N, C-alpha and C. Protein backbone atom coordinates (compact mmCIF):
# COMPACT_ATOMS: atom_id res chain seq x y z
N MET A 1 30.27 5.45 -0.75
CA MET A 1 28.95 5.11 -0.27
C MET A 1 28.39 4.05 -1.22
N THR A 2 28.01 2.91 -0.68
CA THR A 2 27.39 1.86 -1.48
C THR A 2 26.01 1.60 -0.92
N GLN A 3 25.15 1.07 -1.80
CA GLN A 3 23.78 0.82 -1.37
C GLN A 3 23.33 -0.50 -1.98
N SER A 4 22.55 -1.26 -1.22
CA SER A 4 21.93 -2.46 -1.76
C SER A 4 20.49 -2.47 -1.32
N ARG A 5 19.68 -3.31 -1.98
CA ARG A 5 18.27 -3.37 -1.61
C ARG A 5 17.73 -4.77 -1.73
N THR A 6 16.74 -5.03 -0.91
CA THR A 6 16.10 -6.33 -0.88
C THR A 6 14.63 -6.12 -0.60
N GLU A 7 13.76 -6.77 -1.34
CA GLU A 7 12.36 -6.84 -0.98
C GLU A 7 11.75 -8.01 -1.72
N SER A 8 10.67 -8.45 -1.20
CA SER A 8 9.99 -9.61 -1.75
C SER A 8 8.64 -9.20 -2.30
N ARG A 9 8.24 -9.78 -3.39
CA ARG A 9 6.90 -9.52 -3.92
C ARG A 9 5.85 -10.11 -3.00
N GLU A 10 6.26 -10.85 -2.02
CA GLU A 10 5.34 -11.37 -1.01
C GLU A 10 5.11 -10.33 0.08
N HIS A 11 5.61 -9.13 -0.14
CA HIS A 11 5.45 -8.02 0.78
C HIS A 11 6.11 -8.27 2.14
N GLY A 12 7.28 -8.86 2.04
CA GLY A 12 8.09 -9.02 3.23
C GLY A 12 8.80 -7.71 3.52
N PRO A 13 9.81 -7.74 4.34
CA PRO A 13 10.51 -6.51 4.72
C PRO A 13 11.11 -5.79 3.52
N ILE A 14 11.12 -4.49 3.59
CA ILE A 14 11.90 -3.67 2.66
C ILE A 14 13.20 -3.40 3.39
N VAL A 15 14.32 -3.72 2.76
CA VAL A 15 15.62 -3.57 3.39
C VAL A 15 16.52 -2.75 2.47
N ARG A 16 17.17 -1.77 3.03
CA ARG A 16 18.15 -0.97 2.30
C ARG A 16 19.41 -0.88 3.14
N ASP A 17 20.55 -1.19 2.53
CA ASP A 17 21.85 -1.06 3.17
C ASP A 17 22.60 0.08 2.48
N ILE A 18 23.31 0.86 3.28
CA ILE A 18 24.16 1.90 2.72
C ILE A 18 25.40 2.04 3.60
N GLN A 19 26.54 2.09 2.96
CA GLN A 19 27.80 2.33 3.66
C GLN A 19 28.06 3.82 3.63
N VAL A 20 28.26 4.43 4.80
CA VAL A 20 28.53 5.86 4.85
C VAL A 20 29.86 6.09 5.55
N ASP A 21 30.54 7.13 5.11
CA ASP A 21 31.86 7.45 5.63
C ASP A 21 31.74 8.41 6.82
N ALA A 22 31.16 7.89 7.89
CA ALA A 22 31.03 8.64 9.14
C ALA A 22 30.88 7.63 10.26
N SER A 23 31.16 8.06 11.45
CA SER A 23 31.07 7.17 12.60
C SER A 23 29.62 6.80 12.91
N PRO A 24 29.39 5.67 13.58
CA PRO A 24 28.02 5.33 13.99
C PRO A 24 27.38 6.42 14.84
N GLU A 25 28.15 7.13 15.63
CA GLU A 25 27.60 8.20 16.45
C GLU A 25 27.00 9.31 15.59
N VAL A 26 27.70 9.69 14.51
CA VAL A 26 27.19 10.72 13.60
C VAL A 26 25.96 10.22 12.87
N VAL A 27 26.02 9.00 12.34
CA VAL A 27 24.90 8.45 11.58
C VAL A 27 23.69 8.27 12.49
N PHE A 28 23.91 7.88 13.72
CA PHE A 28 22.79 7.74 14.66
C PHE A 28 22.07 9.08 14.83
N GLU A 29 22.81 10.15 14.98
CA GLU A 29 22.19 11.48 15.11
C GLU A 29 21.36 11.80 13.87
N VAL A 30 21.85 11.43 12.70
CA VAL A 30 21.17 11.74 11.44
C VAL A 30 19.85 10.99 11.31
N VAL A 31 19.75 9.79 11.86
CA VAL A 31 18.49 9.02 11.75
C VAL A 31 17.58 9.20 12.95
N SER A 32 18.06 9.83 14.03
CA SER A 32 17.26 9.87 15.26
C SER A 32 16.91 11.26 15.77
N LYS A 33 17.41 12.28 15.14
CA LYS A 33 17.14 13.65 15.58
C LYS A 33 16.36 14.40 14.50
N PRO A 34 15.22 15.00 14.85
CA PRO A 34 14.39 15.67 13.85
C PRO A 34 15.11 16.72 13.02
N GLU A 35 16.02 17.47 13.64
CA GLU A 35 16.72 18.51 12.89
C GLU A 35 17.58 17.93 11.78
N HIS A 36 18.01 16.68 11.91
CA HIS A 36 18.76 16.02 10.84
C HIS A 36 17.82 15.26 9.91
N VAL A 37 16.84 14.57 10.46
CA VAL A 37 15.91 13.76 9.65
C VAL A 37 15.25 14.62 8.57
N ARG A 38 14.86 15.84 8.93
CA ARG A 38 14.17 16.70 7.96
C ARG A 38 15.09 17.17 6.84
N GLU A 39 16.39 16.97 6.99
CA GLU A 39 17.33 17.36 5.94
C GLU A 39 17.42 16.32 4.81
N TRP A 40 17.01 15.08 5.08
CA TRP A 40 17.12 14.05 4.04
C TRP A 40 15.81 13.32 3.77
N TRP A 41 14.81 13.45 4.63
CA TRP A 41 13.59 12.66 4.45
C TRP A 41 12.34 13.53 4.35
N PRO A 42 11.61 13.81 5.44
CA PRO A 42 10.40 14.62 5.28
C PRO A 42 10.75 16.10 5.23
N ASP A 43 9.75 16.91 4.89
CA ASP A 43 9.94 18.35 4.89
C ASP A 43 10.01 18.89 6.32
N ASP A 44 9.38 18.20 7.24
CA ASP A 44 9.44 18.58 8.64
C ASP A 44 9.28 17.33 9.49
N ALA A 45 9.81 17.38 10.69
CA ALA A 45 9.72 16.26 11.63
C ALA A 45 9.69 16.83 13.03
N GLY A 46 8.86 16.24 13.86
CA GLY A 46 8.80 16.65 15.25
C GLY A 46 8.62 15.44 16.14
N PHE A 47 9.65 15.10 16.90
CA PHE A 47 9.60 13.98 17.84
C PHE A 47 10.79 14.06 18.77
N GLU A 48 10.65 13.41 19.91
CA GLU A 48 11.78 13.27 20.84
C GLU A 48 12.38 11.89 20.62
N SER A 49 13.69 11.79 20.73
CA SER A 49 14.37 10.51 20.56
C SER A 49 14.35 9.74 21.87
N VAL A 50 13.15 9.39 22.30
CA VAL A 50 12.93 8.66 23.55
C VAL A 50 11.90 7.58 23.27
N ALA A 51 12.20 6.35 23.68
CA ALA A 51 11.24 5.26 23.46
C ALA A 51 9.88 5.64 24.04
N GLY A 52 8.85 5.44 23.23
CA GLY A 52 7.49 5.76 23.64
C GLY A 52 7.02 7.14 23.23
N ALA A 53 7.93 8.00 22.79
CA ALA A 53 7.56 9.36 22.40
C ALA A 53 6.74 9.33 21.11
N LEU A 54 5.73 10.17 21.05
CA LEU A 54 4.92 10.33 19.85
C LEU A 54 5.44 11.53 19.07
N GLY A 55 5.25 11.49 17.77
CA GLY A 55 5.69 12.60 16.94
C GLY A 55 5.02 12.56 15.59
N GLU A 56 5.54 13.37 14.67
CA GLU A 56 4.97 13.40 13.34
C GLU A 56 6.02 13.72 12.30
N LEU A 57 5.73 13.26 11.09
CA LEU A 57 6.54 13.53 9.91
C LEU A 57 5.63 14.24 8.92
N VAL A 58 6.14 15.28 8.25
CA VAL A 58 5.31 16.09 7.37
C VAL A 58 5.98 16.21 6.00
N TRP A 59 5.19 15.94 4.95
CA TRP A 59 5.64 16.13 3.58
C TRP A 59 4.75 17.18 2.92
N ARG A 60 5.36 18.05 2.11
CA ARG A 60 4.62 19.06 1.37
C ARG A 60 4.81 18.81 -0.12
N ASN A 61 3.70 18.79 -0.85
CA ASN A 61 3.75 18.65 -2.30
C ASN A 61 3.87 20.05 -2.88
N THR A 62 5.02 20.36 -3.48
CA THR A 62 5.26 21.70 -3.99
C THR A 62 4.37 22.03 -5.19
N GLU A 63 3.93 21.01 -5.91
CA GLU A 63 3.06 21.25 -7.08
C GLU A 63 1.63 21.57 -6.68
N THR A 64 1.09 20.85 -5.70
CA THR A 64 -0.31 21.03 -5.31
C THR A 64 -0.48 21.87 -4.06
N GLY A 65 0.58 22.02 -3.29
CA GLY A 65 0.49 22.74 -2.04
C GLY A 65 -0.08 21.90 -0.90
N GLU A 66 -0.42 20.65 -1.19
CA GLU A 66 -0.99 19.77 -0.16
C GLU A 66 0.09 19.33 0.83
N THR A 67 -0.34 19.13 2.07
CA THR A 67 0.55 18.66 3.13
C THR A 67 0.04 17.33 3.64
N THR A 68 0.96 16.39 3.81
CA THR A 68 0.62 15.09 4.39
C THR A 68 1.38 14.95 5.71
N THR A 69 0.64 14.71 6.79
CA THR A 69 1.23 14.50 8.10
C THR A 69 0.99 13.06 8.52
N VAL A 70 2.07 12.39 8.92
CA VAL A 70 1.99 11.00 9.34
C VAL A 70 2.47 10.92 10.79
N LEU A 71 1.65 10.32 11.65
CA LEU A 71 2.04 10.14 13.04
C LEU A 71 3.06 9.03 13.18
N MET A 72 3.91 9.15 14.18
CA MET A 72 4.92 8.14 14.45
C MET A 72 5.06 7.96 15.96
N SER A 73 5.62 6.83 16.33
CA SER A 73 5.87 6.52 17.73
C SER A 73 7.25 5.88 17.84
N VAL A 74 8.14 6.49 18.61
CA VAL A 74 9.49 5.97 18.77
C VAL A 74 9.42 4.67 19.57
N VAL A 75 10.08 3.63 19.06
CA VAL A 75 10.06 2.31 19.69
C VAL A 75 11.34 2.05 20.47
N GLU A 76 12.49 2.25 19.83
CA GLU A 76 13.76 1.90 20.47
C GLU A 76 14.82 2.94 20.14
N VAL A 77 15.56 3.32 21.17
CA VAL A 77 16.67 4.26 21.03
C VAL A 77 17.86 3.62 21.74
N ASP A 78 18.80 3.09 20.97
CA ASP A 78 19.97 2.42 21.51
C ASP A 78 21.21 3.00 20.82
N ALA A 79 21.59 4.20 21.26
CA ALA A 79 22.70 4.91 20.61
C ALA A 79 24.01 4.17 20.84
N PRO A 80 24.87 4.08 19.85
CA PRO A 80 24.70 4.46 18.45
C PRO A 80 24.40 3.25 17.56
N ARG A 81 23.65 2.30 18.06
CA ARG A 81 23.43 1.05 17.32
C ARG A 81 22.08 0.92 16.64
N ARG A 82 21.00 1.43 17.25
CA ARG A 82 19.68 1.18 16.69
C ARG A 82 18.71 2.30 17.05
N PHE A 83 17.90 2.67 16.05
CA PHE A 83 16.79 3.58 16.25
C PHE A 83 15.61 3.02 15.47
N SER A 84 14.45 2.91 16.13
CA SER A 84 13.28 2.39 15.42
C SER A 84 12.03 3.16 15.82
N PHE A 85 11.07 3.15 14.90
CA PHE A 85 9.80 3.81 15.15
C PHE A 85 8.70 3.10 14.36
N ARG A 86 7.47 3.33 14.80
CA ARG A 86 6.29 2.82 14.09
C ARG A 86 5.59 4.00 13.45
N TRP A 87 4.99 3.74 12.28
CA TRP A 87 4.25 4.78 11.58
C TRP A 87 3.18 4.16 10.72
N CYS A 88 2.39 5.00 10.07
CA CYS A 88 1.27 4.54 9.22
C CYS A 88 0.24 3.78 10.05
N PHE A 89 -0.12 4.34 11.19
CA PHE A 89 -1.07 3.69 12.09
C PHE A 89 -2.41 3.47 11.40
N GLN A 90 -3.00 2.29 11.62
CA GLN A 90 -4.30 1.95 11.05
C GLN A 90 -5.40 1.94 12.10
N GLY A 91 -5.03 1.73 13.34
CA GLY A 91 -6.04 1.62 14.39
C GLY A 91 -5.45 2.03 15.73
N GLU A 92 -6.05 1.54 16.77
CA GLU A 92 -5.63 1.89 18.12
C GLU A 92 -4.39 1.13 18.58
N ASP A 93 -4.17 -0.08 18.05
CA ASP A 93 -3.05 -0.91 18.49
C ASP A 93 -1.82 -0.57 17.65
N ARG A 94 -1.01 0.35 18.14
CA ARG A 94 0.14 0.81 17.36
C ARG A 94 1.21 -0.25 17.19
N ASP A 95 1.20 -1.28 18.03
CA ASP A 95 2.17 -2.35 17.87
C ASP A 95 1.80 -3.28 16.73
N ARG A 96 0.51 -3.43 16.46
CA ARG A 96 0.07 -4.33 15.39
C ARG A 96 -0.33 -3.59 14.13
N ASP A 97 -1.01 -2.47 14.28
CA ASP A 97 -1.61 -1.78 13.14
C ASP A 97 -0.72 -0.67 12.61
N SER A 98 0.55 -0.97 12.40
CA SER A 98 1.49 0.03 11.91
C SER A 98 2.69 -0.67 11.29
N LEU A 99 3.48 0.12 10.59
CA LEU A 99 4.73 -0.37 10.01
C LEU A 99 5.87 -0.02 10.96
N LEU A 100 6.86 -0.89 11.05
CA LEU A 100 8.02 -0.67 11.90
C LEU A 100 9.23 -0.39 11.03
N VAL A 101 9.88 0.74 11.27
CA VAL A 101 11.12 1.11 10.58
C VAL A 101 12.25 1.03 11.60
N THR A 102 13.29 0.28 11.24
CA THR A 102 14.44 0.11 12.12
C THR A 102 15.71 0.50 11.37
N PHE A 103 16.52 1.33 12.00
CA PHE A 103 17.84 1.67 11.48
C PHE A 103 18.85 0.98 12.38
N ASP A 104 19.59 0.01 11.81
CA ASP A 104 20.67 -0.67 12.54
C ASP A 104 21.99 -0.13 12.00
N LEU A 105 22.89 0.22 12.91
CA LEU A 105 24.18 0.80 12.54
C LEU A 105 25.30 -0.08 13.04
N THR A 106 26.23 -0.41 12.14
CA THR A 106 27.36 -1.27 12.46
C THR A 106 28.64 -0.60 11.97
N PRO A 107 29.66 -0.47 12.85
CA PRO A 107 30.94 0.06 12.37
C PRO A 107 31.47 -0.83 11.24
N SER A 108 31.94 -0.19 10.15
CA SER A 108 32.38 -0.96 8.99
C SER A 108 33.29 -0.12 8.12
N ALA A 109 34.44 -0.67 7.78
CA ALA A 109 35.37 -0.06 6.82
C ALA A 109 35.67 1.40 7.16
N GLY A 110 35.86 1.70 8.43
CA GLY A 110 36.18 3.06 8.83
C GLY A 110 34.98 3.99 8.84
N GLY A 111 33.80 3.47 8.60
CA GLY A 111 32.57 4.27 8.61
C GLY A 111 31.47 3.47 9.28
N THR A 112 30.29 3.52 8.67
CA THR A 112 29.13 2.84 9.24
C THR A 112 28.33 2.16 8.15
N LEU A 113 27.97 0.91 8.40
CA LEU A 113 27.00 0.23 7.55
C LEU A 113 25.65 0.48 8.20
N LEU A 114 24.76 1.15 7.49
CA LEU A 114 23.42 1.42 7.98
C LEU A 114 22.45 0.51 7.24
N ARG A 115 21.64 -0.21 7.99
CA ARG A 115 20.61 -1.06 7.41
C ARG A 115 19.25 -0.54 7.87
N MET A 116 18.43 -0.14 6.90
CA MET A 116 17.06 0.27 7.18
C MET A 116 16.17 -0.90 6.82
N THR A 117 15.29 -1.27 7.75
CA THR A 117 14.34 -2.35 7.51
C THR A 117 12.95 -1.83 7.85
N GLU A 118 12.00 -2.03 6.94
CA GLU A 118 10.61 -1.67 7.19
C GLU A 118 9.78 -2.94 7.12
N THR A 119 9.08 -3.25 8.20
CA THR A 119 8.32 -4.49 8.31
C THR A 119 6.88 -4.19 8.74
N GLY A 120 6.06 -5.25 8.67
CA GLY A 120 4.69 -5.16 9.15
C GLY A 120 3.65 -5.12 8.05
N TRP A 121 4.06 -5.34 6.83
CA TRP A 121 3.15 -5.23 5.68
C TRP A 121 1.98 -6.19 5.78
N ARG A 122 2.26 -7.43 6.07
CA ARG A 122 1.18 -8.44 6.10
C ARG A 122 0.20 -8.17 7.23
N GLU A 123 0.67 -7.54 8.29
CA GLU A 123 -0.17 -7.29 9.46
C GLU A 123 -1.10 -6.09 9.29
N MET A 124 -0.93 -5.31 8.24
CA MET A 124 -1.72 -4.09 8.07
C MET A 124 -3.19 -4.38 7.77
N GLY A 125 -3.50 -5.54 7.21
CA GLY A 125 -4.88 -5.87 6.93
C GLY A 125 -5.45 -5.20 5.70
N TRP A 126 -4.59 -4.66 4.84
CA TRP A 126 -5.04 -3.99 3.63
C TRP A 126 -5.48 -5.00 2.58
N GLU A 127 -6.43 -4.61 1.74
CA GLU A 127 -6.78 -5.41 0.56
C GLU A 127 -5.55 -5.46 -0.34
N VAL A 128 -5.48 -6.48 -1.19
CA VAL A 128 -4.28 -6.71 -2.00
C VAL A 128 -3.90 -5.48 -2.83
N ALA A 129 -4.85 -4.85 -3.49
CA ALA A 129 -4.54 -3.69 -4.34
C ALA A 129 -3.98 -2.53 -3.51
N VAL A 130 -4.54 -2.31 -2.34
CA VAL A 130 -4.07 -1.24 -1.46
C VAL A 130 -2.68 -1.58 -0.94
N LEU A 131 -2.47 -2.82 -0.54
CA LEU A 131 -1.17 -3.27 -0.07
C LEU A 131 -0.12 -3.08 -1.16
N GLU A 132 -0.43 -3.50 -2.38
CA GLU A 132 0.50 -3.35 -3.52
C GLU A 132 0.88 -1.89 -3.71
N GLU A 133 -0.12 -1.01 -3.67
CA GLU A 133 0.12 0.41 -3.89
C GLU A 133 1.02 1.00 -2.80
N HIS A 134 0.69 0.74 -1.55
CA HIS A 134 1.49 1.27 -0.45
C HIS A 134 2.90 0.68 -0.42
N TYR A 135 2.98 -0.62 -0.65
CA TYR A 135 4.28 -1.28 -0.65
C TYR A 135 5.19 -0.67 -1.72
N GLN A 136 4.68 -0.54 -2.94
CA GLN A 136 5.49 0.02 -4.03
C GLN A 136 5.85 1.47 -3.75
N ASP A 137 4.92 2.22 -3.16
CA ASP A 137 5.19 3.61 -2.80
C ASP A 137 6.36 3.69 -1.81
N HIS A 138 6.39 2.78 -0.85
CA HIS A 138 7.46 2.78 0.14
C HIS A 138 8.78 2.30 -0.47
N VAL A 139 8.73 1.30 -1.36
CA VAL A 139 9.93 0.86 -2.08
C VAL A 139 10.53 2.05 -2.84
N ASP A 140 9.68 2.73 -3.60
CA ASP A 140 10.16 3.89 -4.36
C ASP A 140 10.68 4.98 -3.43
N GLY A 141 9.97 5.20 -2.33
CA GLY A 141 10.40 6.22 -1.38
C GLY A 141 11.76 5.93 -0.79
N TRP A 142 11.96 4.71 -0.29
CA TRP A 142 13.26 4.38 0.30
C TRP A 142 14.36 4.40 -0.77
N ASN A 143 14.05 4.02 -2.01
CA ASN A 143 15.04 4.11 -3.08
C ASN A 143 15.50 5.56 -3.29
N HIS A 144 14.62 6.49 -3.04
CA HIS A 144 14.93 7.91 -3.17
C HIS A 144 15.63 8.47 -1.93
N TYR A 145 15.09 8.15 -0.74
CA TYR A 145 15.56 8.80 0.48
C TYR A 145 16.83 8.22 1.09
N ILE A 146 17.07 6.93 0.97
CA ILE A 146 18.30 6.38 1.56
C ILE A 146 19.55 6.98 0.90
N PRO A 147 19.63 7.12 -0.42
CA PRO A 147 20.79 7.82 -0.98
C PRO A 147 20.89 9.27 -0.49
N ARG A 148 19.75 9.94 -0.30
CA ARG A 148 19.77 11.31 0.23
C ARG A 148 20.36 11.33 1.64
N LEU A 149 20.06 10.31 2.44
CA LEU A 149 20.64 10.20 3.78
C LEU A 149 22.16 10.15 3.66
N GLY A 150 22.67 9.30 2.77
CA GLY A 150 24.12 9.19 2.58
C GLY A 150 24.73 10.50 2.12
N GLU A 151 24.06 11.21 1.20
CA GLU A 151 24.55 12.50 0.71
C GLU A 151 24.56 13.53 1.83
N TYR A 152 23.53 13.52 2.67
CA TYR A 152 23.46 14.47 3.78
C TYR A 152 24.60 14.20 4.78
N VAL A 153 24.83 12.94 5.11
CA VAL A 153 25.92 12.61 6.03
C VAL A 153 27.26 13.10 5.45
N ALA A 154 27.47 12.87 4.16
CA ALA A 154 28.72 13.30 3.52
C ALA A 154 28.89 14.82 3.64
N ARG A 155 27.81 15.57 3.41
CA ARG A 155 27.89 17.03 3.55
C ARG A 155 28.14 17.43 5.01
N LEU A 156 27.48 16.72 5.91
CA LEU A 156 27.59 17.04 7.34
C LEU A 156 29.02 16.85 7.84
N VAL A 157 29.66 15.75 7.48
CA VAL A 157 31.01 15.49 7.98
C VAL A 157 32.06 16.31 7.22
N ALA A 158 31.71 16.81 6.03
CA ALA A 158 32.65 17.64 5.27
C ALA A 158 32.66 19.08 5.77
N THR A 159 31.60 19.47 6.49
CA THR A 159 31.50 20.84 7.01
C THR A 159 32.41 20.97 8.23
N PRO A 160 33.32 21.96 8.20
CA PRO A 160 34.24 22.11 9.35
C PRO A 160 33.53 22.58 10.60
């Protein structure tokens, strides 16, 4: 499993690539089904893998007991090549006032090259300090969660 990362201080896309030793079909299930997503990313997830479906992602802080729930909207489901959703809604226009996360899957080296891209930073309308804080939080988050995705896939395919 290899991983690379790209981001710009201009708050362009956050991009993470990871090579996983599983078929695109398996990796697609891991990024598009709540029962798998909650194993590597949020503490809980509830959504249907259907374009236009609304759902939520839930994180629990074990130290404070606080729960954070973030709404999401599934944008594209193209098994086993692409899954995307919008989240972090700021207003009524979910196409403009949100961040877009896209998982692109490409067969590679007997497994799958997964590319996660998060875009929409400039369109959020945040003040510079708020933008910096959220952007860095997401950079740190993806640095943590993308390797967990790879570890989860490895455990999943190793289980008979």
